[in-house]
Amino acid sequence: MTSDATSPERNDIAATLKACLLSILGSTVQADLVQDDTNLFDIGIDSMNMTELLLGIEKHFNFTLAPEDLSSDLFLSFANLTAFVQSHVCRT
């Protein structure tokens, strides 16, 4: 079974990531600002809440992130982060 950008799994992952992101950033970001092409640095992600988000991802999706998997490219777009998490969820 192949996953594409509109697969149900991807949509569920994106919805969960968006909820986590909005929870971490609080009232500073409106939900409609988080789109696939949204640069997460532009909406306020910094090193502290990036760490909180990554820890939440590990806990919610039940996998451990390896340091070599992480790069700032993950946060250049919401789609990058979603695809990254989807690829790790599919491995388990």
PDB file of N, CA and C in Angstrom:
ATOM      1  N   MET A   1       0.842  -1.182   0.000  1.00  0.00           N
ATOM      2  CA  MET A   1       0.000   0.000   0.000  1.00  0.00           C
ATOM      3  C   MET A   1       0.880   1.236   0.000  1.00  0.00           C
ATOM      4  N   THR A   2       0.669   2.141  -0.903  1.00  0.00           N
ATOM      5  CA  THR A   2       1.466   3.347  -0.960  1.00  0.00           C
ATOM      6  C   THR A   2       0.748   4.484  -0.268  1.00  0.00           C
ATOM      7  N   SER A   3       1.546   5.366   0.328  1.00  0.00           N
ATOM      8  CA  SER A   3       0.999   6.554   0.964  1.00  0.00           C
ATOM      9  C   SER A   3       1.320   7.745   0.092  1.00  0.00           C
ATOM     10  N   ASP A   4       0.350   8.601  -0.063  1.00  0.00           N
ATOM     11  CA  ASP A   4       0.609   9.817  -0.807  1.00  0.00           C
ATOM     12  C   ASP A   4       0.246  11.015   0.060  1.00  0.00           C
ATOM     13  N   ALA A   5       0.361  12.197  -0.517  1.00  0.00           N
ATOM     14  CA  ALA A   5       0.164  13.424   0.246  1.00  0.00           C
ATOM     15  C   ALA A   5      -1.260  13.593   0.752  1.00  0.00           C
ATOM     16  N   THR A   6      -2.206  12.823   0.234  1.00  0.00           N
ATOM     17  CA  THR A   6      -3.589  12.958   0.671  1.00  0.00           C
ATOM     18  C   THR A   6      -4.107  11.704   1.356  1.00  0.00           C
ATOM     19  N   SER A   7      -3.233  10.795   1.721  1.00  0.00           N
ATOM     20  CA  SER A   7      -3.674   9.555   2.358  1.00  0.00           C
ATOM     21  C   SER A   7      -4.296   9.844   3.724  1.00  0.00           C
ATOM     22  N   PRO A   8      -5.216   8.985   4.155  1.00  0.00           N
ATOM     23  CA  PRO A   8      -5.827   9.184   5.476  1.00  0.00           C
ATOM     24  C   PRO A   8      -4.791   9.226   6.595  1.00  0.00           C
ATOM     25  N   GLU A   9      -3.769   8.372   6.497  1.00  0.00           N
ATOM     26  CA  GLU A   9      -2.738   8.357   7.530  1.00  0.00           C
ATOM     27  C   GLU A   9      -2.041   9.704   7.601  1.00  0.00           C
ATOM     28  N   ARG A  10      -1.728  10.261   6.435  1.00  0.00           N
ATOM     29  CA  ARG A  10      -1.042  11.546   6.397  1.00  0.00           C
ATOM     30  C   ARG A  10      -1.946  12.632   6.974  1.00  0.00           C
ATOM     31  N   ASN A  11      -3.231  12.591   6.649  1.00  0.00           N
ATOM     32  CA  ASN A  11      -4.164  13.588   7.169  1.00  0.00           C
ATOM     33  C   ASN A  11      -4.288  13.501   8.681  1.00  0.00           C
ATOM     34  N   ASP A  12      -4.320  12.281   9.221  1.00  0.00           N
ATOM     35  CA  ASP A  12      -4.385  12.103  10.672  1.00  0.00           C
ATOM     36  C   ASP A  12      -3.115  12.609  11.333  1.00  0.00           C
ATOM     37  N   ILE A  13      -1.971  12.293  10.745  1.00  0.00           N
ATOM     38  CA  ILE A  13      -0.693  12.748  11.285  1.00  0.00           C
ATOM     39  C   ILE A  13      -0.623  14.262  11.249  1.00  0.00           C
ATOM     40  N   ALA A  14      -1.013  14.857  10.132  1.00  0.00           N
ATOM     41  CA  ALA A  14      -0.981  16.317  10.000  1.00  0.00           C
ATOM     42  C   ALA A  14      -1.887  16.978  11.027  1.00  0.00           C
ATOM     43  N   ALA A  15      -3.069  16.429  11.243  1.00  0.00           N
ATOM     44  CA  ALA A  15      -4.000  17.000  12.217  1.00  0.00           C
ATOM     45  C   ALA A  15      -3.424  16.925  13.626  1.00  0.00           C
ATOM     46  N   THR A  16      -2.811  15.805  13.958  1.00  0.00           N
ATOM     47  CA  THR A  16      -2.209  15.633  15.276  1.00  0.00           C
ATOM     48  C   THR A  16      -1.029  16.575  15.454  1.00  0.00           C
ATOM     49  N   LEU A  17      -0.179  16.673  14.433  1.00  0.00           N
ATOM     50  CA  LEU A  17       0.967  17.582  14.507  1.00  0.00           C
ATOM     51  C   LEU A  17       0.521  19.033  14.651  1.00  0.00           C
ATOM     52  N   LYS A  18      -0.509  19.399  13.920  1.00  0.00           N
ATOM     53  CA  LYS A  18      -1.018  20.767  13.992  1.00  0.00           C
ATOM     54  C   LYS A  18      -1.530  21.060  15.403  1.00  0.00           C
ATOM     55  N   ALA A  19      -2.258  20.118  15.986  1.00  0.00           N
ATOM     56  CA  ALA A  19      -2.770  20.300  17.346  1.00  0.00           C
ATOM     57  C   ALA A  19      -1.625  20.440  18.346  1.00  0.00           C
ATOM     58  N   CYS A  20      -0.597  19.618  18.197  1.00  0.00           N
ATOM     59  CA  CYS A  20       0.573  19.702  19.084  1.00  0.00           C
ATOM     60  C   CYS A  20       1.275  21.044  18.926  1.00  0.00           C
ATOM     61  N   LEU A  21       1.460  21.442  17.683  1.00  0.00           N
ATOM     62  CA  LEU A  21       2.135  22.696  17.390  1.00  0.00           C
ATOM     63  C   LEU A  21       1.373  23.882  17.972  1.00  0.00           C
ATOM     64  N   LEU A  22       0.073  23.907  17.766  1.00  0.00           N
ATOM     65  CA  LEU A  22      -0.735  25.008  18.284  1.00  0.00           C
ATOM     66  C   LEU A  22      -0.762  25.019  19.808  1.00  0.00           C
ATOM     67  N   SER A  23      -0.747  23.838  20.408  1.00  0.00           N
ATOM     68  CA  SER A  23      -0.710  23.748  21.867  1.00  0.00           C
ATOM     69  C   SER A  23       0.596  24.336  22.407  1.00  0.00           C
ATOM     70  N   ILE A  24       1.686  24.042  21.740  1.00  0.00           N
ATOM     71  CA  ILE A  24       3.000  24.522  22.176  1.00  0.00           C
ATOM     72  C   ILE A  24       3.147  26.023  21.963  1.00  0.00           C
ATOM     73  N   LEU A  25       2.696  26.501  20.807  1.00  0.00           N
ATOM     74  CA  LEU A  25       2.845  27.921  20.495  1.00  0.00           C
ATOM     75  C   LEU A  25       1.793  28.784  21.178  1.00  0.00           C
ATOM     76  N   GLY A  26       0.728  28.168  21.646  1.00  0.00           N
ATOM     77  CA  GLY A  26      -0.300  28.898  22.371  1.00  0.00           C
ATOM     78  C   GLY A  26      -1.103  29.814  21.477  1.00  0.00           C
ATOM     79  N   SER A  27      -1.554  30.895  22.046  1.00  0.00           N
ATOM     80  CA  SER A  27      -2.459  31.802  21.337  1.00  0.00           C
ATOM     81  C   SER A  27      -1.748  32.719  20.352  1.00  0.00           C
ATOM     82  N   THR A  28      -0.449  32.538  20.169  1.00  0.00           N
ATOM     83  CA  THR A  28       0.286  33.412  19.251  1.00  0.00           C
ATOM     84  C   THR A  28       0.060  33.058  17.790  1.00  0.00           C
ATOM     85  N   VAL A  29      -0.508  31.874  17.514  1.00  0.00           N
ATOM     86  CA  VAL A  29      -0.693  31.418  16.136  1.00  0.00           C
ATOM     87  C   VAL A  29      -2.128  30.947  15.940  1.00  0.00           C
ATOM     88  N   GLN A  30      -2.729  31.371  14.846  1.00  0.00           N
ATOM     89  CA  GLN A  30      -4.060  30.895  14.489  1.00  0.00           C
ATOM     90  C   GLN A  30      -3.919  29.613  13.676  1.00  0.00           C
ATOM     91  N   ALA A  31      -4.832  28.689  13.871  1.00  0.00           N
ATOM     92  CA  ALA A  31      -4.777  27.375  13.216  1.00  0.00           C
ATOM     93  C   ALA A  31      -4.705  27.494  11.698  1.00  0.00           C
ATOM     94  N   ASP A  32      -5.401  28.456  11.130  1.00  0.00           N
ATOM     95  CA  ASP A  32      -5.420  28.557   9.670  1.00  0.00           C
ATOM     96  C   ASP A  32      -4.091  29.045   9.085  1.00  0.00           C
ATOM     97  N   LEU A  33      -3.187  29.503   9.935  1.00  0.00           N
ATOM     98  CA  LEU A  33      -1.864  29.906   9.456  1.00  0.00           C
ATOM     99  C   LEU A  33      -0.950  28.707   9.207  1.00  0.00           C
ATOM    100  N   VAL A  34      -1.303  27.560   9.759  1.00  0.00           N
ATOM    101  CA  VAL A  34      -0.472  26.361   9.609  1.00  0.00           C
ATOM    102  C   VAL A  34      -0.972  25.580   8.398  1.00  0.00           C
ATOM    103  N   GLN A  35      -0.274  25.745   7.296  1.00  0.00           N
ATOM    104  CA  GLN A  35      -0.559  25.056   6.041  1.00  0.00           C
ATOM    105  C   GLN A  35       0.675  24.242   5.659  1.00  0.00           C
ATOM    106  N   ASP A  36       0.562  23.413   4.637  1.00  0.00           N
ATOM    107  CA  ASP A  36       1.701  22.584   4.223  1.00  0.00           C
ATOM    108  C   ASP A  36       2.952  23.402   3.937  1.00  0.00           C
ATOM    109  N   ASP A  37       2.796  24.576   3.351  1.00  0.00           N
ATOM    110  CA  ASP A  37       3.960  25.374   2.976  1.00  0.00           C
ATOM    111  C   ASP A  37       4.413  26.355   4.061  1.00  0.00           C
ATOM    112  N   THR A  38       3.802  26.284   5.244  1.00  0.00           N
ATOM    113  CA  THR A  38       4.158  27.185   6.331  1.00  0.00           C
ATOM    114  C   THR A  38       5.541  26.856   6.876  1.00  0.00           C
ATOM    115  N   ASN A  39       6.410  27.875   6.898  1.00  0.00           N
ATOM    116  CA  ASN A  39       7.718  27.752   7.530  1.00  0.00           C
ATOM    117  C   ASN A  39       7.487  27.888   9.030  1.00  0.00           C
ATOM    118  N   LEU A  40       7.811  26.849   9.778  1.00  0.00           N
ATOM    119  CA  LEU A  40       7.511  26.839  11.207  1.00  0.00           C
ATOM    120  C   LEU A  40       8.333  27.864  11.975  1.00  0.00           C
ATOM    121  N   PHE A  41       9.502  28.218  11.467  1.00  0.00           N
ATOM    122  CA  PHE A  41      10.287  29.274  12.104  1.00  0.00           C
ATOM    123  C   PHE A  41       9.559  30.613  11.984  1.00  0.00           C
ATOM    124  N   ASP A  42       8.864  30.812  10.875  1.00  0.00           N
ATOM    125  CA  ASP A  42       8.143  32.068  10.644  1.00  0.00           C
ATOM    126  C   ASP A  42       6.958  32.251  11.580  1.00  0.00           C
ATOM    127  N   ILE A  43       6.427  31.164  12.111  1.00  0.00           N
ATOM    128  CA  ILE A  43       5.282  31.293  13.019  1.00  0.00           C
ATOM    129  C   ILE A  43       5.688  31.174  14.487  1.00  0.00           C
ATOM    130  N   GLY A  44       6.995  31.154  14.746  1.00  0.00           N
ATOM    131  CA  GLY A  44       7.439  31.257  16.128  1.00  0.00           C
ATOM    132  C   GLY A  44       8.139  30.068  16.730  1.00  0.00           C
ATOM    133  N   ILE A  45       8.379  29.013  15.976  1.00  0.00           N
ATOM    134  CA  ILE A  45       9.120  27.875  16.531  1.00  0.00           C
ATOM    135  C   ILE A  45      10.534  28.346  16.880  1.00  0.00           C
ATOM    136  N   ASP A  46      10.966  28.057  18.091  1.00  0.00           N
ATOM    137  CA  ASP A  46      12.341  28.319  18.487  1.00  0.00           C
ATOM    138  C   ASP A  46      12.902  27.027  19.093  1.00  0.00           C
ATOM    139  N   SER A  47      14.125  27.081  19.556  1.00  0.00           N
ATOM    140  CA  SER A  47      14.772  25.846  20.022  1.00  0.00           C
ATOM    141  C   SER A  47      14.053  25.212  21.206  1.00  0.00           C
ATOM    142  N   MET A  48      13.492  26.019  22.075  1.00  0.00           N
ATOM    143  CA  MET A  48      12.805  25.459  23.242  1.00  0.00           C
ATOM    144  C   MET A  48      11.509  24.750  22.843  1.00  0.00           C
ATOM    145  N   ASN A  49      10.662  25.417  22.051  1.00  0.00           N
ATOM    146  CA  ASN A  49       9.410  24.752  21.716  1.00  0.00           C
ATOM    147  C   ASN A  49       9.598  23.710  20.623  1.00  0.00           C
ATOM    148  N   MET A  50      10.700  23.794  19.878  1.00  0.00           N
ATOM    149  CA  MET A  50      11.044  22.739  18.923  1.00  0.00           C
ATOM    150  C   MET A  50      11.327  21.444  19.698  1.00  0.00           C
ATOM    151  N   THR A  51      12.063  21.563  20.763  1.00  0.00           N
ATOM    152  CA  THR A  51      12.370  20.404  21.602  1.00  0.00           C
ATOM    153  C   THR A  51      11.094  19.838  22.208  1.00  0.00           C
ATOM    154  N   GLU A  52      10.241  20.701  22.685  1.00  0.00           N
ATOM    155  CA  GLU A  52       8.962  20.253  23.259  1.00  0.00           C
ATOM    156  C   GLU A  52       8.119  19.539  22.204  1.00  0.00           C
ATOM    157  N   LEU A  53       8.099  20.075  20.995  1.00  0.00           N
ATOM    158  CA  LEU A  53       7.340  19.453  19.906  1.00  0.00           C
ATOM    159  C   LEU A  53       7.910  18.080  19.568  1.00  0.00           C
ATOM    160  N   LEU A  54       9.217  17.974  19.468  1.00  0.00           N
ATOM    161  CA  LEU A  54       9.843  16.690  19.138  1.00  0.00           C
ATOM    162  C   LEU A  54       9.590  15.649  20.222  1.00  0.00           C
ATOM    163  N   LEU A  55       9.642  16.054  21.471  1.00  0.00           N
ATOM    164  CA  LEU A  55       9.340  15.127  22.565  1.00  0.00           C
ATOM    165  C   LEU A  55       7.877  14.684  22.506  1.00  0.00           C
ATOM    166  N   GLY A  56       6.988  15.604  22.180  1.00  0.00           N
ATOM    167  CA  GLY A  56       5.576  15.265  22.033  1.00  0.00           C
ATOM    168  C   GLY A  56       5.345  14.304  20.875  1.00  0.00           C
ATOM    169  N   ILE A  57       6.077  14.506  19.776  1.00  0.00           N
ATOM    170  CA  ILE A  57       5.976  13.611  18.622  1.00  0.00           C
ATOM    171  C   ILE A  57       6.404  12.200  19.014  1.00  0.00           C
ATOM    172  N   GLU A  58       7.535  12.112  19.708  1.00  0.00           N
ATOM    173  CA  GLU A  58       8.016  10.792  20.147  1.00  0.00           C
ATOM    174  C   GLU A  58       6.976  10.100  21.025  1.00  0.00           C
ATOM    175  N   LYS A  59       6.428  10.839  21.950  1.00  0.00           N
ATOM    176  CA  LYS A  59       5.463  10.246  22.886  1.00  0.00           C
ATOM    177  C   LYS A  59       4.170   9.861  22.167  1.00  0.00           C
ATOM    178  N   HIS A  60       3.633  10.766  21.371  1.00  0.00           N
ATOM    179  CA  HIS A  60       2.336  10.510  20.747  1.00  0.00           C
ATOM    180  C   HIS A  60       2.408   9.399  19.700  1.00  0.00           C
ATOM    181  N   PHE A  61       3.467   9.419  18.889  1.00  0.00           N
ATOM    182  CA  PHE A  61       3.560   8.455  17.791  1.00  0.00           C
ATOM    183  C   PHE A  61       4.384   7.221  18.156  1.00  0.00           C
ATOM    184  N   ASN A  62       4.896   7.186  19.378  1.00  0.00           N
ATOM    185  CA  ASN A  62       5.562   6.016  19.938  1.00  0.00           C
ATOM    186  C   ASN A  62       6.779   5.552  19.130  1.00  0.00           C
ATOM    187  N   PHE A  63       7.671   6.477  18.857  1.00  0.00           N
ATOM    188  CA  PHE A  63       8.967   6.124  18.289  1.00  0.00           C
ATOM    189  C   PHE A  63      10.009   7.084  18.840  1.00  0.00           C
ATOM    190  N   THR A  64      11.262   6.687  18.738  1.00  0.00           N
ATOM    191  CA  THR A  64      12.361   7.495  19.243  1.00  0.00           C
ATOM    192  C   THR A  64      13.111   8.109  18.078  1.00  0.00           C
ATOM    193  N   LEU A  65      13.316   9.399  18.162  1.00  0.00           N
ATOM    194  CA  LEU A  65      14.046  10.117  17.121  1.00  0.00           C
ATOM    195  C   LEU A  65      15.543   9.986  17.361  1.00  0.00           C
ATOM    196  N   ALA A  66      16.267   9.662  16.321  1.00  0.00           N
ATOM    197  CA  ALA A  66      17.723   9.593  16.399  1.00  0.00           C
ATOM    198  C   ALA A  66      18.287  10.974  16.063  1.00  0.00           C
ATOM    199  N   PRO A  67      19.355  11.384  16.741  1.00  0.00           N
ATOM    200  CA  PRO A  67      19.935  12.700  16.466  1.00  0.00           C
ATOM    201  C   PRO A  67      20.264  12.924  14.991  1.00  0.00           C
ATOM    202  N   GLU A  68      20.693  11.878  14.305  1.00  0.00           N
ATOM    203  CA  GLU A  68      21.046  12.034  12.894  1.00  0.00           C
ATOM    204  C   GLU A  68      19.824  12.246  12.003  1.00  0.00           C
ATOM    205  N   ASP A  69      18.630  11.971  12.527  1.00  0.00           N
ATOM    206  CA  ASP A  69      17.388  12.202  11.774  1.00  0.00           C
ATOM    207  C   ASP A  69      16.963  13.666  11.790  1.00  0.00           C
ATOM    208  N   LEU A  70      17.474  14.409  12.745  1.00  0.00           N
ATOM    209  CA  LEU A  70      16.984  15.760  12.967  1.00  0.00           C
ATOM    210  C   LEU A  70      17.800  16.799  12.219  1.00  0.00           C
ATOM    211  N   SER A  71      17.096  17.724  11.602  1.00  0.00           N
ATOM    212  CA  SER A  71      17.747  18.856  10.962  1.00  0.00           C
ATOM    213  C   SER A  71      16.768  20.017  10.919  1.00  0.00           C
ATOM    214  N   SER A  72      17.293  21.197  10.707  1.00  0.00           N
ATOM    215  CA  SER A  72      16.418  22.362  10.637  1.00  0.00           C
ATOM    216  C   SER A  72      15.491  22.294   9.430  1.00  0.00           C
ATOM    217  N   ASP A  73      15.840  21.494   8.425  1.00  0.00           N
ATOM    218  CA  ASP A  73      14.977  21.340   7.244  1.00  0.00           C
ATOM    219  C   ASP A  73      13.591  20.827   7.605  1.00  0.00           C
ATOM    220  N   LEU A  74      13.495  20.073   8.683  1.00  0.00           N
ATOM    221  CA  LEU A  74      12.195  19.558   9.117  1.00  0.00           C
ATOM    222  C   LEU A  74      11.210  20.682   9.402  1.00  0.00           C
ATOM    223  N   PHE A  75      11.727  21.833   9.788  1.00  0.00           N
ATOM    224  CA  PHE A  75      10.879  22.933  10.223  1.00  0.00           C
ATOM    225  C   PHE A  75      10.730  24.023   9.166  1.00  0.00           C
ATOM    226  N   LEU A  76      11.297  23.769   7.986  1.00  0.00           N
ATOM    227  CA  LEU A  76      11.166  24.748   6.907  1.00  0.00           C
ATOM    228  C   LEU A  76       9.772  24.751   6.303  1.00  0.00           C
ATOM    229  N   SER A  77       9.057  23.642   6.479  1.00  0.00           N
ATOM    230  CA  SER A  77       7.642  23.617   6.094  1.00  0.00           C
ATOM    231  C   SER A  77       6.921  22.580   6.943  1.00  0.00           C
ATOM    232  N   PHE A  78       5.649  22.842   7.149  1.00  0.00           N
ATOM    233  CA  PHE A  78       4.824  21.901   7.893  1.00  0.00           C
ATOM    234  C   PHE A  78       4.756  20.572   7.151  1.00  0.00           C
ATOM    235  N   ALA A  79       4.765  20.621   5.829  1.00  0.00           N
ATOM    236  CA  ALA A  79       4.745  19.391   5.020  1.00  0.00           C
ATOM    237  C   ALA A  79       5.988  18.547   5.265  1.00  0.00           C
ATOM    238  N   ASN A  80       7.148  19.180   5.420  1.00  0.00           N
ATOM    239  CA  ASN A  80       8.384  18.443   5.712  1.00  0.00           C
ATOM    240  C   ASN A  80       8.253  17.670   7.015  1.00  0.00           C
ATOM    241  N   LEU A  81       7.758  18.344   8.043  1.00  0.00           N
ATOM    242  CA  LEU A  81       7.611  17.701   9.350  1.00  0.00           C
ATOM    243  C   LEU A  81       6.602  16.562   9.279  1.00  0.00           C
ATOM    244  N   THR A  82       5.498  16.787   8.585  1.00  0.00           N
ATOM    245  CA  THR A  82       4.472  15.754   8.441  1.00  0.00           C
ATOM    246  C   THR A  82       5.026  14.535   7.707  1.00  0.00           C
ATOM    247  N   ALA A  83       5.735  14.754   6.614  1.00  0.00           N
ATOM    248  CA  ALA A  83       6.316  13.647   5.848  1.00  0.00           C
ATOM    249  C   ALA A  83       7.336  12.882   6.683  1.00  0.00           C
ATOM    250  N   PHE A  84       8.131  13.603   7.457  1.00  0.00           N
ATOM    251  CA  PHE A  84       9.125  12.974   8.326  1.00  0.00           C
ATOM    252  C   PHE A  84       8.454  12.057   9.340  1.00  0.00           C
ATOM    253  N   VAL A  85       7.432  12.573  10.019  1.00  0.00           N
ATOM    254  CA  VAL A  85       6.727  11.765  11.020  1.00  0.00           C
ATOM    255  C   VAL A  85       6.042  10.587  10.340  1.00  0.00           C
ATOM    256  N   GLN A  86       5.420  10.811   9.210  1.00  0.00           N
ATOM    257  CA  GLN A  86       4.745   9.729   8.481  1.00  0.00           C
ATOM    258  C   GLN A  86       5.733   8.633   8.131  1.00  0.00           C
ATOM    259  N   SER A  87       6.927   8.994   7.698  1.00  0.00           N
ATOM    260  CA  SER A  87       7.915   7.977   7.325  1.00  0.00           C
ATOM    261  C   SER A  87       8.338   7.140   8.533  1.00  0.00           C
ATOM    262  N   HIS A  88       8.385   7.768   9.713  1.00  0.00           N
ATOM    263  CA  HIS A  88       8.751   7.031  10.912  1.00  0.00           C
ATOM    264  C   HIS A  88       7.602   6.179  11.428  1.00  0.00           C
ATOM    265  N   VAL A  89       6.394   6.663  11.283  1.00  0.00           N
ATOM    266  CA  VAL A  89       5.227   5.880  11.715  1.00  0.00           C
ATOM    267  C   VAL A  89       5.086   4.650  10.844  1.00  0.00           C
ATOM    268  N   CYS A  90       5.356   4.789   9.569  1.00  0.00           N
ATOM    269  CA  CYS A  90       5.245   3.650   8.645  1.00  0.00           C
ATOM    270  C   CYS A  90       6.295   2.585   8.903  1.00  0.00           C
ATOM    271  N   ARG A  91       7.391   2.935   9.544  1.00  0.00           N
ATOM    272  CA  ARG A  91       8.457   1.971   9.849  1.00  0.00           C
ATOM    273  C   ARG A  91       8.074   1.046  10.997  1.00  0.00           C
ATOM    274  N   THR A  92       7.192   1.536  11.868  1.00  0.00           N
ATOM    275  CA  THR A  92       6.867   0.753  13.066  1.00  0.00           C
ATOM    276  C   THR A  92       5.755  -0.217  12.819  1.00  0.00           C
TER     277      THR A  92
END
